[in-house]
Amino acid sequence: MGLAGSRHPTRLLPTRRQILQRCQPRGTASPLRKEKEMIGNESWRISIENSADFIKKNIGVGTVQAVFEKYGATSPDDLSPAYYSEVFSELYAIEADLRD
């Protein structure tokens, strides 16, 4: 009997996720999760930089510096990724007010 008449479904190759999950030791973060976090952090950083640039052009550097200093940084370069969402929220709120 050929493949078309077979009663068993054709086995598919494992996905990248399945292969990585099988290879990683228990209790460690998955490589896919780390990859997503890196992409997520890069997106936060780009958003922070874009909002900061908009604010600098419209009202000056002082406001942006004050937000970074609140989180122990002077620029996105030395800002801890743990604070990316908070810093972006503050900068975006200022940007939104300026756009209104």
C-alpha atoms as a PDB file:
ATOM      1  CA  MET A   1       0.000   0.000   0.000  1.00  0.00           C
ATOM      2  CA  GLY A   2       1.382   3.441  -0.952  1.00  0.00           C
ATOM      3  CA  LEU A   3       1.491   6.584   1.109  1.00  0.00           C
ATOM      4  CA  ALA A   4      -1.919   7.712  -0.097  1.00  0.00           C
ATOM      5  CA  GLY A   5      -3.534   4.522   1.173  1.00  0.00           C
ATOM      6  CA  SER A   6      -1.586   4.347   4.419  1.00  0.00           C
ATOM      7  CA  ARG A   7      -3.603   4.354   7.620  1.00  0.00           C
ATOM      8  CA  HIS A   8      -0.819   6.080   9.544  1.00  0.00           C
ATOM      9  CA  PRO A   9      -0.322   9.800   9.050  1.00  0.00           C
ATOM     10  CA  THR A  10       3.015  10.855   7.663  1.00  0.00           C
ATOM     11  CA  ARG A  11       5.361  11.867  10.455  1.00  0.00           C
ATOM     12  CA  LEU A  12       6.463  15.461  10.238  1.00  0.00           C
ATOM     13  CA  LEU A  13       9.938  16.588  11.111  1.00  0.00           C
ATOM     14  CA  PRO A  14      10.242  18.181  14.548  1.00  0.00           C
ATOM     15  CA  THR A  15       9.994  21.938  14.719  1.00  0.00           C
ATOM     16  CA  ARG A  16      12.887  24.133  15.774  1.00  0.00           C
ATOM     17  CA  ARG A  17      11.173  24.693  19.103  1.00  0.00           C
ATOM     18  CA  GLN A  18      10.832  20.954  19.749  1.00  0.00           C
ATOM     19  CA  ILE A  19      14.495  20.346  18.919  1.00  0.00           C
ATOM     20  CA  LEU A  20      15.683  23.144  21.201  1.00  0.00           C
ATOM     21  CA  GLN A  21      13.417  21.993  24.027  1.00  0.00           C
ATOM     22  CA  ARG A  22      14.851  18.467  23.819  1.00  0.00           C
ATOM     23  CA  CYS A  23      18.439  19.746  23.875  1.00  0.00           C
ATOM     24  CA  GLN A  24      18.219  22.144  26.794  1.00  0.00           C
ATOM     25  CA  PRO A  25      18.881  21.000  30.353  1.00  0.00           C
ATOM     26  CA  ARG A  26      15.947  21.150  32.756  1.00  0.00           C
ATOM     27  CA  GLY A  27      15.612  24.367  34.723  1.00  0.00           C
ATOM     28  CA  THR A  28      17.345  26.613  32.183  1.00  0.00           C
ATOM     29  CA  ALA A  29      15.775  29.354  30.107  1.00  0.00           C
ATOM     30  CA  SER A  30      15.012  28.272  26.578  1.00  0.00           C
ATOM     31  CA  PRO A  31      17.096  29.744  23.752  1.00  0.00           C
ATOM     32  CA  LEU A  32      13.862  30.854  22.073  1.00  0.00           C
ATOM     33  CA  ARG A  33      12.849  32.794  25.179  1.00  0.00           C
ATOM     34  CA  LYS A  34      16.238  34.485  25.320  1.00  0.00           C
ATOM     35  CA  GLU A  35      15.935  35.344  21.616  1.00  0.00           C
ATOM     36  CA  LYS A  36      12.474  36.857  22.171  1.00  0.00           C
ATOM     37  CA  GLU A  37      13.754  38.856  25.154  1.00  0.00           C
ATOM     38  CA  MET A  38      16.598  40.247  23.044  1.00  0.00           C
ATOM     39  CA  ILE A  39      14.179  41.261  20.303  1.00  0.00           C
ATOM     40  CA  GLY A  40      11.803  42.705  22.914  1.00  0.00           C
ATOM     41  CA  ASN A  41      14.596  44.694  24.556  1.00  0.00           C
ATOM     42  CA  GLU A  42      15.730  46.024  21.180  1.00  0.00           C
ATOM     43  CA  SER A  43      12.175  47.161  20.399  1.00  0.00           C
ATOM     44  CA  TRP A  44      11.889  48.914  23.770  1.00  0.00           C
ATOM     45  CA  ARG A  45      15.210  50.619  23.232  1.00  0.00           C
ATOM     46  CA  ILE A  46      14.275  51.836  19.734  1.00  0.00           C
ATOM     47  CA  SER A  47      10.963  53.174  21.068  1.00  0.00           C
ATOM     48  CA  ILE A  48      12.752  54.940  23.937  1.00  0.00           C
ATOM     49  CA  GLU A  49      15.247  56.519  21.545  1.00  0.00           C
ATOM     50  CA  ASN A  50      12.502  57.664  19.171  1.00  0.00           C
ATOM     51  CA  SER A  51      10.446  59.267  21.948  1.00  0.00           C
ATOM     52  CA  ALA A  52      13.545  60.852  23.490  1.00  0.00           C
ATOM     53  CA  ASP A  53      14.539  62.333  20.124  1.00  0.00           C
ATOM     54  CA  PHE A  54      11.063  63.782  19.588  1.00  0.00           C
ATOM     55  CA  ILE A  55      11.064  65.365  23.055  1.00  0.00           C
ATOM     56  CA  LYS A  56      14.589  66.772  22.619  1.00  0.00           C
ATOM     57  CA  LYS A  57      13.613  68.425  19.345  1.00  0.00           C
ATOM     58  CA  ASN A  58      10.481  69.975  20.825  1.00  0.00           C
ATOM     59  CA  ILE A  59      11.351  71.044  24.369  1.00  0.00           C
ATOM     60  CA  GLY A  60      15.026  70.268  24.889  1.00  0.00           C
ATOM     61  CA  VAL A  61      17.322  67.752  26.493  1.00  0.00           C
ATOM     62  CA  GLY A  62      16.541  68.569  30.135  1.00  0.00           C
ATOM     63  CA  THR A  63      13.256  66.689  30.293  1.00  0.00           C
ATOM     64  CA  VAL A  64      14.736  63.558  28.759  1.00  0.00           C
ATOM     65  CA  GLN A  65      17.739  63.685  31.092  1.00  0.00           C
ATOM     66  CA  ALA A  66      15.446  64.006  34.103  1.00  0.00           C
ATOM     67  CA  VAL A  67      13.559  60.848  33.118  1.00  0.00           C
ATOM     68  CA  PHE A  68      16.778  58.861  32.625  1.00  0.00           C
ATOM     69  CA  GLU A  69      18.269  60.151  35.903  1.00  0.00           C
ATOM     70  CA  LYS A  70      15.166  58.985  37.758  1.00  0.00           C
ATOM     71  CA  TYR A  71      16.185  55.437  36.783  1.00  0.00           C
ATOM     72  CA  GLY A  72      19.914  55.858  37.443  1.00  0.00           C
ATOM     73  CA  ALA A  73      20.938  56.404  33.825  1.00  0.00           C
ATOM     74  CA  THR A  74      22.093  59.227  31.602  1.00  0.00           C
ATOM     75  CA  SER A  75      21.042  57.712  28.257  1.00  0.00           C
ATOM     76  CA  PRO A  76      19.548  54.536  26.781  1.00  0.00           C
ATOM     77  CA  ASP A  77      23.090  53.125  26.672  1.00  0.00           C
ATOM     78  CA  ASP A  78      23.377  52.781  30.439  1.00  0.00           C
ATOM     79  CA  LEU A  79      19.698  52.199  31.220  1.00  0.00           C
ATOM     80  CA  SER A  80      18.931  48.798  32.719  1.00  0.00           C
ATOM     81  CA  PRO A  81      16.550  46.741  30.541  1.00  0.00           C
ATOM     82  CA  ALA A  82      14.514  46.188  33.703  1.00  0.00           C
ATOM     83  CA  TYR A  83      13.373  49.820  33.441  1.00  0.00           C
ATOM     84  CA  TYR A  84      12.717  49.964  29.686  1.00  0.00           C
ATOM     85  CA  SER A  85       8.929  49.775  29.989  1.00  0.00           C
ATOM     86  CA  GLU A  86       8.746  52.413  32.749  1.00  0.00           C
ATOM     87  CA  VAL A  87      11.059  54.837  30.962  1.00  0.00           C
ATOM     88  CA  PHE A  88       9.209  54.389  27.693  1.00  0.00           C
ATOM     89  CA  SER A  89       5.873  54.974  29.438  1.00  0.00           C
ATOM     90  CA  GLU A  90       7.088  58.271  30.871  1.00  0.00           C
ATOM     91  CA  LEU A  91       8.691  59.447  27.650  1.00  0.00           C
ATOM     92  CA  TYR A  92       5.699  58.420  25.562  1.00  0.00           C
ATOM     93  CA  ALA A  93       3.304  60.278  27.864  1.00  0.00           C
ATOM     94  CA  ILE A  94       5.390  63.434  27.444  1.00  0.00           C
ATOM     95  CA  GLU A  95       5.541  62.893  23.682  1.00  0.00           C
ATOM     96  CA  ALA A  96       1.772  62.377  23.465  1.00  0.00           C
ATOM     97  CA  ASP A  97       1.177  65.624  25.384  1.00  0.00           C
ATOM     98  CA  LEU A  98       3.460  67.471  22.994  1.00  0.00           C
ATOM     99  CA  ARG A  99       1.640  66.083  19.972  1.00  0.00           C
ATOM    100  CA  ASP A 100      -1.781  67.214  21.276  1.00  0.00           C
END
